[in-house]
Amino acid sequence: MVRRIQFAAVVAIALISGSAPLKACTVCSGDPESDMAKGAVAGIIVLGGIIGFVLVCVATTGVIWFHRGRRMSRPISDADLRGPDSTFATRRGD
């Protein structure tokens, strides 16, 4: 276990010391009013909307499954089987 920690520390130090400084892309370091920057922002907004829509769909599916599971786990009574407009319900009282 100690050898793994030592190896991870050596690898981390080698990666940090040997890496070149990070530079921003031309969109980030350029003019924020350029068409490229506006396009990048619009793309982020569109992708965020798509991801949000998918997450709402997944959450809705989970809620539907939750309610369906609760409804299916409760015991079934005669009233559930007959229904409100069943002829069996009117004849049973006779």
C-alpha atoms as a PDB file:
ATOM      1  CA  MET A   1       0.000   0.000   0.000  1.00  0.00           C
ATOM      2  CA  VAL A   2       2.842   2.367   0.871  1.00  0.00           C
ATOM      3  CA  ARG A   3       4.557   1.556  -2.436  1.00  0.00           C
ATOM      4  CA  ARG A   4       1.421   2.540  -4.353  1.00  0.00           C
ATOM      5  CA  ILE A   5       1.219   5.879  -2.577  1.00  0.00           C
ATOM      6  CA  GLN A   6       4.907   6.537  -3.231  1.00  0.00           C
ATOM      7  CA  PHE A   7       4.521   5.576  -6.890  1.00  0.00           C
ATOM      8  CA  ALA A   8       1.459   7.832  -7.274  1.00  0.00           C
ATOM      9  CA  ALA A   9       3.355  10.721  -5.669  1.00  0.00           C
ATOM     10  CA  VAL A  10       6.330  10.264  -8.005  1.00  0.00           C
ATOM     11  CA  VAL A  11       4.061  10.106 -11.058  1.00  0.00           C
ATOM     12  CA  ALA A  12       2.146  13.207  -9.939  1.00  0.00           C
ATOM     13  CA  ILE A  13       5.362  15.174  -9.386  1.00  0.00           C
ATOM     14  CA  ALA A  14       6.713  14.077 -12.781  1.00  0.00           C
ATOM     15  CA  LEU A  15       3.514  15.110 -14.539  1.00  0.00           C
ATOM     16  CA  ILE A  16       3.319  18.469 -12.801  1.00  0.00           C
ATOM     17  CA  SER A  17       6.971  19.386 -13.264  1.00  0.00           C
ATOM     18  CA  GLY A  18       7.226  18.251 -16.877  1.00  0.00           C
ATOM     19  CA  SER A  19       4.049  19.783 -18.223  1.00  0.00           C
ATOM     20  CA  ALA A  20       3.902  22.900 -20.326  1.00  0.00           C
ATOM     21  CA  PRO A  21       1.868  25.867 -19.090  1.00  0.00           C
ATOM     22  CA  LEU A  22      -1.784  25.707 -20.075  1.00  0.00           C
ATOM     23  CA  LYS A  23      -3.029  28.189 -22.607  1.00  0.00           C
ATOM     24  CA  ALA A  24      -6.575  29.155 -23.347  1.00  0.00           C
ATOM     25  CA  CYS A  25      -8.108  28.453 -26.725  1.00  0.00           C
ATOM     26  CA  THR A  26      -8.526  31.262 -29.235  1.00  0.00           C
ATOM     27  CA  VAL A  27     -12.187  31.649 -28.335  1.00  0.00           C
ATOM     28  CA  CYS A  28     -11.448  32.216 -24.644  1.00  0.00           C
ATOM     29  CA  SER A  29      -8.413  34.422 -25.081  1.00  0.00           C
ATOM     30  CA  GLY A  30      -9.752  36.387 -28.041  1.00  0.00           C
ATOM     31  CA  ASP A  31     -12.363  39.091 -28.409  1.00  0.00           C
ATOM     32  CA  PRO A  32     -15.530  38.224 -26.455  1.00  0.00           C
ATOM     33  CA  GLU A  33     -17.644  40.066 -29.036  1.00  0.00           C
ATOM     34  CA  SER A  34     -16.355  37.998 -31.983  1.00  0.00           C
ATOM     35  CA  ASP A  35     -18.634  35.691 -33.919  1.00  0.00           C
ATOM     36  CA  MET A  36     -16.657  32.654 -32.772  1.00  0.00           C
ATOM     37  CA  ALA A  37     -17.156  33.510 -29.093  1.00  0.00           C
ATOM     38  CA  LYS A  38     -20.870  34.167 -29.634  1.00  0.00           C
ATOM     39  CA  GLY A  39     -21.196  30.836 -31.437  1.00  0.00           C
ATOM     40  CA  ALA A  40     -19.460  29.011 -28.594  1.00  0.00           C
ATOM     41  CA  VAL A  41     -21.827  30.585 -26.063  1.00  0.00           C
ATOM     42  CA  ALA A  42     -24.847  29.690 -28.196  1.00  0.00           C
ATOM     43  CA  GLY A  43     -23.591  26.101 -28.504  1.00  0.00           C
ATOM     44  CA  ILE A  44     -23.205  25.822 -24.737  1.00  0.00           C
ATOM     45  CA  ILE A  45     -26.741  27.110 -24.225  1.00  0.00           C
ATOM     46  CA  VAL A  46     -28.173  24.645 -26.767  1.00  0.00           C
ATOM     47  CA  LEU A  47     -26.312  21.708 -25.248  1.00  0.00           C
ATOM     48  CA  GLY A  48     -27.419  22.777 -21.766  1.00  0.00           C
ATOM     49  CA  GLY A  49     -31.021  22.831 -22.967  1.00  0.00           C
ATOM     50  CA  ILE A  50     -30.731  19.369 -24.489  1.00  0.00           C
ATOM     51  CA  ILE A  51     -29.130  17.955 -21.336  1.00  0.00           C
ATOM     52  CA  GLY A  52     -31.783  19.617 -19.172  1.00  0.00           C
ATOM     53  CA  PHE A  53     -34.580  18.148 -21.331  1.00  0.00           C
ATOM     54  CA  VAL A  54     -33.091  14.650 -21.102  1.00  0.00           C
ATOM     55  CA  LEU A  55     -32.705  14.941 -17.327  1.00  0.00           C
ATOM     56  CA  VAL A  56     -36.327  16.064 -16.960  1.00  0.00           C
ATOM     57  CA  CYS A  57     -37.420  13.077 -19.062  1.00  0.00           C
ATOM     58  CA  VAL A  58     -35.401  10.684 -16.877  1.00  0.00           C
ATOM     59  CA  ALA A  59     -36.831  12.224 -13.690  1.00  0.00           C
ATOM     60  CA  THR A  60     -40.381  12.005 -15.068  1.00  0.00           C
ATOM     61  CA  THR A  61     -39.856   8.349 -15.924  1.00  0.00           C
ATOM     62  CA  GLY A  62     -38.639   7.709 -12.376  1.00  0.00           C
ATOM     63  CA  VAL A  63     -41.678   9.441 -10.860  1.00  0.00           C
ATOM     64  CA  ILE A  64     -44.037   7.473 -13.114  1.00  0.00           C
ATOM     65  CA  TRP A  65     -42.347   4.189 -12.187  1.00  0.00           C
ATOM     66  CA  PHE A  66     -42.491   5.110  -8.498  1.00  0.00           C
ATOM     67  CA  HIS A  67     -46.229   5.790  -8.592  1.00  0.00           C
ATOM     68  CA  ARG A  68     -46.909   2.732 -10.735  1.00  0.00           C
ATOM     69  CA  GLY A  69     -44.947   0.543  -8.315  1.00  0.00           C
ATOM     70  CA  ARG A  70     -46.856   1.869  -5.321  1.00  0.00           C
ATOM     71  CA  ARG A  71     -50.163   1.344  -7.102  1.00  0.00           C
ATOM     72  CA  MET A  72     -49.240  -2.224  -8.053  1.00  0.00           C
ATOM     73  CA  SER A  73     -47.987  -3.146  -4.581  1.00  0.00           C
ATOM     74  CA  ARG A  74     -51.220  -2.336  -2.742  1.00  0.00           C
ATOM     75  CA  PRO A  75     -53.699  -5.176  -2.269  1.00  0.00           C
ATOM     76  CA  ILE A  76     -56.473  -5.475  -4.850  1.00  0.00           C
ATOM     77  CA  SER A  77     -60.014  -5.278  -3.480  1.00  0.00           C
ATOM     78  CA  ASP A  78     -63.332  -6.239  -5.070  1.00  0.00           C
ATOM     79  CA  ALA A  79     -64.107  -2.563  -5.687  1.00  0.00           C
ATOM     80  CA  ASP A  80     -60.943  -2.222  -7.763  1.00  0.00           C
ATOM     81  CA  LEU A  81     -61.924  -5.199  -9.906  1.00  0.00           C
ATOM     82  CA  ARG A  82     -65.557  -4.157 -10.436  1.00  0.00           C
ATOM     83  CA  GLY A  83     -65.103  -0.513 -11.245  1.00  0.00           C
ATOM     84  CA  PRO A  84     -67.714   2.219 -10.776  1.00  0.00           C
ATOM     85  CA  ASP A  85     -69.985   1.287 -13.710  1.00  0.00           C
ATOM     86  CA  SER A  86     -69.968  -2.469 -13.408  1.00  0.00           C
ATOM     87  CA  THR A  87     -73.234  -4.411 -13.474  1.00  0.00           C
ATOM     88  CA  PHE A  88     -71.789  -6.708 -10.816  1.00  0.00           C
ATOM     89  CA  ALA A  89     -71.757  -3.774  -8.393  1.00  0.00           C
ATOM     90  CA  THR A  90     -75.500  -3.166  -8.797  1.00  0.00           C
ATOM     91  CA  ARG A  91     -76.492  -6.849  -8.560  1.00  0.00           C
ATOM     92  CA  ARG A  92     -74.385  -7.591  -5.516  1.00  0.00           C
ATOM     93  CA  GLY A  93     -76.753  -5.679  -3.223  1.00  0.00           C
ATOM     94  CA  ASP A  94     -79.734  -7.832  -4.264  1.00  0.00           C
END
